[in-house]
């Protein structure tokens, strides 16, 4: 889109396009960068909420105030890519303090011209309501437009939104977009699709999609794949491979995987039995509130299995589990306090 007939206008437009190209290489502000649904933005102070053009000299690697002016001129003349880029700069605080409202204004200008990045980013702002009034249906509408233009994250977030319970969306359409996002390599979509297939007992496809997400480092998928290998659900049973995936997820901090790793070490499933490391993983999961890990750790501390015997700590962890409604832990903690020996953690 030419911004004007004069040579000066064309020159400004050309310079703006060059800047956009360079900024794409730096990864500033286009839909290749993920905007998480729970991203947090600082709200501008009341005195700073007035819309004003940025005048900061440095807004990016090697970018000057003159560069910003070129982009603003191009954006003001209606160039959608420049508008979308300025919007992301406002959103990310590259110009001044983050200003979601001003960002939304620029995204809307770009989105109305069919710019997929503007559509995606406007959709995400409206969906989350961070710094702007939340409007999930309007956010979903803009995400669908970006999804139709092949933006993988738009495909995922549109699908995830429309699959939420209580959201007046089209479930069949949402599944179609979830599949597109998964095919395009979005790990969250691969995990979500895998879990949907798991719930419908389509274990072959569940294993396929969960494996795709696990290979990308999704700890939730790694945990689920570990369970499928461990129990031979949809995959040939392989305890060693199960242990590898469980270890990867546990080391990422997933408490369910830490508990699973503890049980496998306790029983010697896929790994050599190691009570000390079993206690280690139970403790990691227990610290995150995993009730069964708290119970097992309490028993191990009471008996001195893999850890030094410590009745006080044993009672502490058993009471933690009891506080979450575990009746057996409540009874066992009383036995420990009374000096009785509860059943072994291996029972």
Foldseek 3Di string as FASTA:
>chain_A
DQLDDDPVSNVLVVLLVVVLVVVVVVVQQFLVDDDDLPDAFDADDPVPQDDDQFQQQFLDVVHGSVNSVSLVVCVVSQDLSSLRRVLSSLQVQSRHGRQNVSSLVSLVSNVVVLNLRSLQVNLSCQCNVHNHPHDNVSSLVSLVSSVVVPSLVSLQVNLVSQPDPPDPHDNVSSLVSLVSSLVVQDLVSLQVVLVVCVVVLVLQSNLVSLVSSVVVQDLVSLQVNLVCLCVVRNHPNDQLSSLVSLVSSVVVQDLVSLQVNLVCLCVVGSHDNQQLSSLVSLVSSVVVPDLVSLQLNLLCLCVVGNHPNDLVSSLVSLVSSVVVPDVVSVVVSVCSVVVHRDDHSVD
